[in-house]
All heavy atoms as atom14 arrays in JSON, in Angstrom:
{
  "sequence": "VLGTAFLLLAVEEWLENILPVSGLLAIMSMAMV",
  "atom14_mask": [
    [1, 1, 1, 1, 1, 1, 1, 0, 0, 0, 0, 0, 0, 0],
    [1, 1, 1, 1, 1, 1, 1, 1, 0, 0, 0, 0, 0, 0],
    [1, 1, 1, 1, 0, 0, 0, 0, 0, 0, 0, 0, 0, 0],
    [1, 1, 1, 1, 1, 1, 1, 0, 0, 0, 0, 0, 0, 0],
    [1, 1, 1, 1, 1, 0, 0, 0, 0, 0, 0, 0, 0, 0],
    [1, 1, 1, 1, 1, 1, 1, 1, 1, 1, 1, 0, 0, 0],
    [1, 1, 1, 1, 1, 1, 1, 1, 0, 0, 0, 0, 0, 0],
    [1, 1, 1, 1, 1, 1, 1, 1, 0, 0, 0, 0, 0, 0],
    [1, 1, 1, 1, 1, 1, 1, 1, 0, 0, 0, 0, 0, 0],
    [1, 1, 1, 1, 1, 0, 0, 0, 0, 0, 0, 0, 0, 0],
    [1, 1, 1, 1, 1, 1, 1, 0, 0, 0, 0, 0, 0, 0],
    [1, 1, 1, 1, 1, 1, 1, 1, 1, 0, 0, 0, 0, 0],
    [1, 1, 1, 1, 1, 1, 1, 1, 1, 0, 0, 0, 0, 0],
    [1, 1, 1, 1, 1, 1, 1, 1, 1, 1, 1, 1, 1, 1],
    [1, 1, 1, 1, 1, 1, 1, 1, 0, 0, 0, 0, 0, 0],
    [1, 1, 1, 1, 1, 1, 1, 1, 1, 0, 0, 0, 0, 0],
    [1, 1, 1, 1, 1, 1, 1, 1, 0, 0, 0, 0, 0, 0],
    [1, 1, 1, 1, 1, 1, 1, 1, 0, 0, 0, 0, 0, 0],
    [1, 1, 1, 1, 1, 1, 1, 1, 0, 0, 0, 0, 0, 0],
    [1, 1, 1, 1, 1, 1, 1, 0, 0, 0, 0, 0, 0, 0],
    [1, 1, 1, 1, 1, 1, 1, 0, 0, 0, 0, 0, 0, 0],
    [1, 1, 1, 1, 1, 1, 0, 0, 0, 0, 0, 0, 0, 0],
    [1, 1, 1, 1, 0, 0, 0, 0, 0, 0, 0, 0, 0, 0],
    [1, 1, 1, 1, 1, 1, 1, 1, 0, 0, 0, 0, 0, 0],
    [1, 1, 1, 1, 1, 1, 1, 1, 0, 0, 0, 0, 0, 0],
    [1, 1, 1, 1, 1, 0, 0, 0, 0, 0, 0, 0, 0, 0],
    [1, 1, 1, 1, 1, 1, 1, 1, 0, 0, 0, 0, 0, 0],
    [1, 1, 1, 1, 1, 1, 1, 1, 0, 0, 0, 0, 0, 0],
    [1, 1, 1, 1, 1, 1, 0, 0, 0, 0, 0, 0, 0, 0],
    [1, 1, 1, 1, 1, 1, 1, 1, 0, 0, 0, 0, 0, 0],
    [1, 1, 1, 1, 1, 0, 0, 0, 0, 0, 0, 0, 0, 0],
    [1, 1, 1, 1, 1, 1, 1, 1, 0, 0, 0, 0, 0, 0],
    [1, 1, 1, 1, 1, 1, 1, 0, 0, 0, 0, 0, 0, 0]
  ],
  "atom14_positions": [
    [[1.91, 12.98, 0.76], [2.6, 11.72, 0.46], [2.54, 10.79, 1.58], [2.28, 9.58, 1.42], [4.07, 12.0, 0.05], [4.84, 10.71, -0.09], [4.11, 12.79, -1.25], [0.0, 0.0, 0.0], [0.0, 0.0, 0.0], [0.0, 0.0, 0.0], [0.0, 0.0, 0.0], [0.0, 0.0, 0.0], [0.0, 0.0, 0.0], [0.0, 0.0, 0.0]],
    [[2.71, 11.32, 2.8], [2.6, 10.46, 4.0], [1.24, 9.86, 4.2], [1.08, 8.65, 4.47], [3.07, 11.26, 5.25], [3.41, 10.5, 6.52], [4.55, 9.57, 6.24], [3.79, 11.48, 7.6], [0.0, 0.0, 0.0], [0.0, 0.0, 0.0], [0.0, 0.0, 0.0], [0.0, 0.0, 0.0], [0.0, 0.0, 0.0], [0.0, 0.0, 0.0]],
    [[0.22, 10.68, 3.93], [-1.15, 10.23, 4.06], [-1.44, 9.14, 3.05], [-2.13, 8.14, 3.33], [0.0, 0.0, 0.0], [0.0, 0.0, 0.0], [0.0, 0.0, 0.0], [0.0, 0.0, 0.0], [0.0, 0.0, 0.0], [0.0, 0.0, 0.0], [0.0, 0.0, 0.0], [0.0, 0.0, 0.0], [0.0, 0.0, 0.0], [0.0, 0.0, 0.0]],
    [[-0.93, 9.31, 1.83], [-1.14, 8.3, 0.79], [-0.45, 7.01, 1.11], [-0.97, 5.93, 0.86], [-0.58, 8.86, -0.62], [-1.14, 10.12, -0.87], [-0.86, 7.88, -1.7], [0.0, 0.0, 0.0], [0.0, 0.0, 0.0], [0.0, 0.0, 0.0], [0.0, 0.0, 0.0], [0.0, 0.0, 0.0], [0.0, 0.0, 0.0], [0.0, 0.0, 0.0]],
    [[0.74, 7.11, 1.74], [1.48, 5.9, 2.15], [0.69, 5.14, 3.18], [0.58, 3.91, 3.12], [2.83, 6.33, 2.71], [0.0, 0.0, 0.0], [0.0, 0.0, 0.0], [0.0, 0.0, 0.0], [0.0, 0.0, 0.0], [0.0, 0.0, 0.0], [0.0, 0.0, 0.0], [0.0, 0.0, 0.0], [0.0, 0.0, 0.0], [0.0, 0.0, 0.0]],
    [[0.08, 5.82, 4.16], [-0.71, 5.2, 5.17], [-1.96, 4.49, 4.54], [-2.34, 3.42, 4.9], [-1.2, 6.15, 6.24], [-0.1, 6.71, 7.07], [-0.22, 7.98, 7.69], [1.06, 6.0, 7.33], [0.8, 8.51, 8.49], [2.08, 6.52, 8.06], [1.97, 7.72, 8.66], [0.0, 0.0, 0.0], [0.0, 0.0, 0.0], [0.0, 0.0, 0.0]],
    [[-2.46, 5.14, 3.49], [-3.63, 4.63, 2.78], [-3.21, 3.28, 2.05], [-3.99, 2.34, 2.02], [-4.13, 5.63, 1.81], [-5.5, 5.38, 1.12], [-6.62, 5.3, 2.17], [-5.81, 6.42, 0.1], [0.0, 0.0, 0.0], [0.0, 0.0, 0.0], [0.0, 0.0, 0.0], [0.0, 0.0, 0.0], [0.0, 0.0, 0.0], [0.0, 0.0, 0.0]],
    [[-1.99, 3.25, 1.49], [-1.54, 2.08, 0.8], [-1.42, 0.9, 1.78], [-1.68, -0.3, 1.44], [-0.21, 2.3, 0.16], [-0.21, 3.24, -1.08], [1.15, 3.58, -1.54], [-1.04, 2.63, -2.22], [0.0, 0.0, 0.0], [0.0, 0.0, 0.0], [0.0, 0.0, 0.0], [0.0, 0.0, 0.0], [0.0, 0.0, 0.0], [0.0, 0.0, 0.0]],
    [[-0.99, 1.18, 3.04], [-0.95, 0.11, 4.08], [-2.4, -0.35, 4.39], [-2.58, -1.56, 4.64], [-0.27, 0.67, 5.32], [1.23, 0.71, 5.4], [1.68, 1.18, 6.75], [1.87, -0.63, 5.09], [0.0, 0.0, 0.0], [0.0, 0.0, 0.0], [0.0, 0.0, 0.0], [0.0, 0.0, 0.0], [0.0, 0.0, 0.0], [0.0, 0.0, 0.0]],
    [[-3.32, 0.57, 4.41], [-4.72, 0.19, 4.66], [-5.29, -0.66, 3.48], [-6.03, -1.61, 3.74], [-5.59, 1.47, 4.84], [0.0, 0.0, 0.0], [0.0, 0.0, 0.0], [0.0, 0.0, 0.0], [0.0, 0.0, 0.0], [0.0, 0.0, 0.0], [0.0, 0.0, 0.0], [0.0, 0.0, 0.0], [0.0, 0.0, 0.0], [0.0, 0.0, 0.0]],
    [[-4.83, -0.33, 2.25], [-5.33, -1.11, 1.12], [-4.89, -2.6, 1.23], [-5.58, -3.47, 0.9], [-4.74, -0.48, -0.17], [-4.9, -1.42, -1.36], [-5.46, 0.85, -0.49], [0.0, 0.0, 0.0], [0.0, 0.0, 0.0], [0.0, 0.0, 0.0], [0.0, 0.0, 0.0], [0.0, 0.0, 0.0], [0.0, 0.0, 0.0], [0.0, 0.0, 0.0]],
    [[-3.64, -2.76, 1.76], [-3.15, -4.14, 1.99], [-4.11, -4.93, 2.92], [-4.46, -6.11, 2.64], [-1.8, -4.08, 2.63], [-1.21, -5.48, 2.91], [0.16, -5.46, 3.6], [0.68, -4.31, 3.8], [0.7, -6.52, 3.82], [0.0, 0.0, 0.0], [0.0, 0.0, 0.0], [0.0, 0.0, 0.0], [0.0, 0.0, 0.0], [0.0, 0.0, 0.0]],
    [[-4.63, -4.27, 3.94], [-5.62, -4.89, 4.88], [-6.98, -5.1, 4.21], [-7.61, -6.06, 4.38], [-5.66, -4.11, 6.14], [-4.36, -4.09, 6.92], [-4.47, -3.2, 8.15], [-5.57, -2.72, 8.46], [-3.42, -2.95, 8.81], [0.0, 0.0, 0.0], [0.0, 0.0, 0.0], [0.0, 0.0, 0.0], [0.0, 0.0, 0.0], [0.0, 0.0, 0.0]],
    [[-7.41, -4.06, 3.48], [-8.75, -4.14, 2.83], [-8.8, -5.29, 1.84], [-9.89, -5.89, 1.74], [-9.06, -2.82, 2.15], [-9.22, -1.63, 3.15], [-9.53, -1.68, 4.45], [-9.07, -0.25, 2.77], [-9.51, -0.43, 4.95], [-9.31, 0.48, 4.02], [-8.79, 0.49, 1.58], [-9.22, 1.85, 4.05], [-8.73, 1.85, 1.7], [-8.95, 2.53, 2.84]],
    [[-7.76, -5.47, 1.08], [-7.8, -6.48, 0.03], [-7.2, -7.81, 0.46], [-6.97, -8.69, -0.35], [-6.95, -5.94, -1.18], [-7.4, -4.69, -1.86], [-6.53, -4.3, -3.0], [-8.85, -4.82, -2.39], [0.0, 0.0, 0.0], [0.0, 0.0, 0.0], [0.0, 0.0, 0.0], [0.0, 0.0, 0.0], [0.0, 0.0, 0.0], [0.0, 0.0, 0.0]],
    [[-7.01, -7.99, 1.79], [-6.4, -9.13, 2.3], [-7.01, -10.48, 1.8], [-6.23, -11.42, 1.43], [-6.45, -9.13, 3.84], [-5.63, -10.26, 4.49], [-5.61, -10.12, 5.98], [-6.27, -9.19, 6.62], [-4.98, -10.96, 6.69], [0.0, 0.0, 0.0], [0.0, 0.0, 0.0], [0.0, 0.0, 0.0], [0.0, 0.0, 0.0], [0.0, 0.0, 0.0]],
    [[-8.3, -10.59, 1.74], [-8.96, -11.8, 1.34], [-9.32, -11.81, -0.17], [-9.96, -12.76, -0.63], [-10.28, -12.03, 2.15], [-9.89, -12.22, 3.61], [-8.94, -12.89, 4.01], [-10.69, -11.59, 4.53], [0.0, 0.0, 0.0], [0.0, 0.0, 0.0], [0.0, 0.0, 0.0], [0.0, 0.0, 0.0], [0.0, 0.0, 0.0], [0.0, 0.0, 0.0]],
    [[-8.96, -10.76, -0.89], [-9.31, -10.66, -2.28], [-8.03, -10.78, -3.17], [-7.92, -11.58, -4.07], [-10.03, -9.34, -2.6], [-11.27, -9.23, -1.69], [-10.38, -9.2, -4.05], [-11.92, -7.82, -1.71], [0.0, 0.0, 0.0], [0.0, 0.0, 0.0], [0.0, 0.0, 0.0], [0.0, 0.0, 0.0], [0.0, 0.0, 0.0], [0.0, 0.0, 0.0]],
    [[-7.06, -9.84, -2.84], [-5.84, -9.8, -3.63], [-4.68, -9.47, -2.67], [-4.71, -8.5, -1.96], [-5.89, -8.66, -4.66], [-4.63, -8.36, -5.51], [-4.37, -9.56, -6.46], [-4.8, -7.06, -6.25], [0.0, 0.0, 0.0], [0.0, 0.0, 0.0], [0.0, 0.0, 0.0], [0.0, 0.0, 0.0], [0.0, 0.0, 0.0], [0.0, 0.0, 0.0]],
    [[-3.66, -10.42, -2.57], [-2.51, -10.11, -1.71], [-1.73, -8.98, -2.2], [-1.34, -8.85, -3.41], [-1.72, -11.41, -1.78], [-2.08, -12.08, -3.02], [-3.55, -11.7, -3.29], [0.0, 0.0, 0.0], [0.0, 0.0, 0.0], [0.0, 0.0, 0.0], [0.0, 0.0, 0.0], [0.0, 0.0, 0.0], [0.0, 0.0, 0.0], [0.0, 0.0, 0.0]],
    [[-1.46, -7.99, -1.39], [-0.72, -6.74, -1.76], [0.37, -6.48, -0.71], [0.07, -6.61, 0.51], [-1.67, -5.53, -1.83], [-0.84, -4.3, -2.13], [-2.77, -5.73, -2.88], [0.0, 0.0, 0.0], [0.0, 0.0, 0.0], [0.0, 0.0, 0.0], [0.0, 0.0, 0.0], [0.0, 0.0, 0.0], [0.0, 0.0, 0.0], [0.0, 0.0, 0.0]],
    [[1.55, -6.22, -1.1], [2.6, -5.77, -0.22], [2.57, -4.28, -0.06], [3.0, -3.53, -0.94], [4.0, -6.21, -0.76], [5.02, -5.63, 0.03], [0.0, 0.0, 0.0], [0.0, 0.0, 0.0], [0.0, 0.0, 0.0], [0.0, 0.0, 0.0], [0.0, 0.0, 0.0], [0.0, 0.0, 0.0], [0.0, 0.0, 0.0], [0.0, 0.0, 0.0]],
    [[2.05, -3.85, 1.1], [1.92, -2.42, 1.37], [3.26, -1.69, 1.4], [3.36, -0.58, 0.87], [0.0, 0.0, 0.0], [0.0, 0.0, 0.0], [0.0, 0.0, 0.0], [0.0, 0.0, 0.0], [0.0, 0.0, 0.0], [0.0, 0.0, 0.0], [0.0, 0.0, 0.0], [0.0, 0.0, 0.0], [0.0, 0.0, 0.0], [0.0, 0.0, 0.0]],
    [[4.3, -2.33, 2.0], [5.61, -1.67, 2.13], [6.26, -1.49, 0.74], [6.81, -0.44, 0.44], [6.51, -2.5, 2.99], [6.1, -2.62, 4.44], [7.09, -3.41, 5.25], [5.89, -1.28, 5.11], [0.0, 0.0, 0.0], [0.0, 0.0, 0.0], [0.0, 0.0, 0.0], [0.0, 0.0, 0.0], [0.0, 0.0, 0.0], [0.0, 0.0, 0.0]],
    [[6.05, -2.45, -0.16], [6.59, -2.32, -1.52], [5.84, -1.23, -2.27], [6.34, -0.5, -3.13], [6.52, -3.66, -2.28], [7.73, -4.62, -2.1], [7.48, -5.84, -2.94], [8.96, -3.92, -2.6], [0.0, 0.0, 0.0], [0.0, 0.0, 0.0], [0.0, 0.0, 0.0], [0.0, 0.0, 0.0], [0.0, 0.0, 0.0], [0.0, 0.0, 0.0]],
    [[4.5, -1.18, -2.03], [3.69, -0.18, -2.69], [4.14, 1.21, -2.29], [4.19, 2.1, -3.14], [2.15, -0.4, -2.25], [0.0, 0.0, 0.0], [0.0, 0.0, 0.0], [0.0, 0.0, 0.0], [0.0, 0.0, 0.0], [0.0, 0.0, 0.0], [0.0, 0.0, 0.0], [0.0, 0.0, 0.0], [0.0, 0.0, 0.0], [0.0, 0.0, 0.0]],
    [[4.51, 1.4, -1.01], [4.97, 2.74, -0.58], [6.28, 3.07, -1.27], [6.48, 4.22, -1.77], [5.18, 2.68, 0.96], [3.84, 2.61, 1.64], [5.94, 3.89, 1.39], [3.88, 2.25, 3.14], [0.0, 0.0, 0.0], [0.0, 0.0, 0.0], [0.0, 0.0, 0.0], [0.0, 0.0, 0.0], [0.0, 0.0, 0.0], [0.0, 0.0, 0.0]],
    [[7.21, 2.14, -1.39], [8.47, 2.39, -2.0], [8.28, 2.66, -3.5], [8.89, 3.58, -4.09], [9.4, 1.18, -1.82], [10.89, 1.53, -1.91], [11.84, 0.06, -1.49], [12.9, 0.66, -0.29], [0.0, 0.0, 0.0], [0.0, 0.0, 0.0], [0.0, 0.0, 0.0], [0.0, 0.0, 0.0], [0.0, 0.0, 0.0], [0.0, 0.0, 0.0]],
    [[7.38, 1.91, -4.15], [7.11, 2.07, -5.55], [6.52, 3.48, -5.8], [6.89, 4.13, -6.78], [6.14, 0.95, -6.02], [5.75, 1.17, -7.35], [0.0, 0.0, 0.0], [0.0, 0.0, 0.0], [0.0, 0.0, 0.0], [0.0, 0.0, 0.0], [0.0, 0.0, 0.0], [0.0, 0.0, 0.0], [0.0, 0.0, 0.0], [0.0, 0.0, 0.0]],
    [[5.6, 3.87, -4.93], [4.96, 5.19, -5.01], [6.03, 6.3, -4.99], [6.03, 7.25, -5.81], [3.94, 5.38, -3.89], [3.35, 6.78, -3.82], [2.61, 7.16, -2.18], [4.05, 7.21, -1.14], [0.0, 0.0, 0.0], [0.0, 0.0, 0.0], [0.0, 0.0, 0.0], [0.0, 0.0, 0.0], [0.0, 0.0, 0.0], [0.0, 0.0, 0.0]],
    [[6.91, 6.22, -4.02], [7.97, 7.21, -3.83], [8.94, 7.21, -5.03], [9.31, 8.33, -5.51], [8.74, 7.01, -2.58], [0.0, 0.0, 0.0], [0.0, 0.0, 0.0], [0.0, 0.0, 0.0], [0.0, 0.0, 0.0], [0.0, 0.0, 0.0], [0.0, 0.0, 0.0], [0.0, 0.0, 0.0], [0.0, 0.0, 0.0], [0.0, 0.0, 0.0]],
    [[9.23, 6.05, -5.61], [10.09, 6.01, -6.74], [9.53, 6.67, -7.97], [10.17, 7.48, -8.68], [10.43, 4.58, -7.1], [11.43, 3.87, -6.14], [11.61, 2.07, -6.5], [12.32, 2.16, -8.13], [0.0, 0.0, 0.0], [0.0, 0.0, 0.0], [0.0, 0.0, 0.0], [0.0, 0.0, 0.0], [0.0, 0.0, 0.0], [0.0, 0.0, 0.0]],
    [[8.23, 6.39, -8.28], [7.55, 6.95, -9.45], [7.38, 8.45, -9.25], [7.54, 9.24, -10.17], [6.19, 6.25, -9.62], [5.38, 7.0, -10.69], [6.35, 4.83, -10.03], [0.0, 0.0, 0.0], [0.0, 0.0, 0.0], [0.0, 0.0, 0.0], [0.0, 0.0, 0.0], [0.0, 0.0, 0.0], [0.0, 0.0, 0.0], [0.0, 0.0, 0.0]]
  ]
}
């Protein structure tokens, strides 16, 4: 789960110029689901 969370933060950076993504919200959403 921790590794996936770090990956979600990386996704925010990878998609920076394509699609704005909130990495911190993605992490919280992942944990909730």
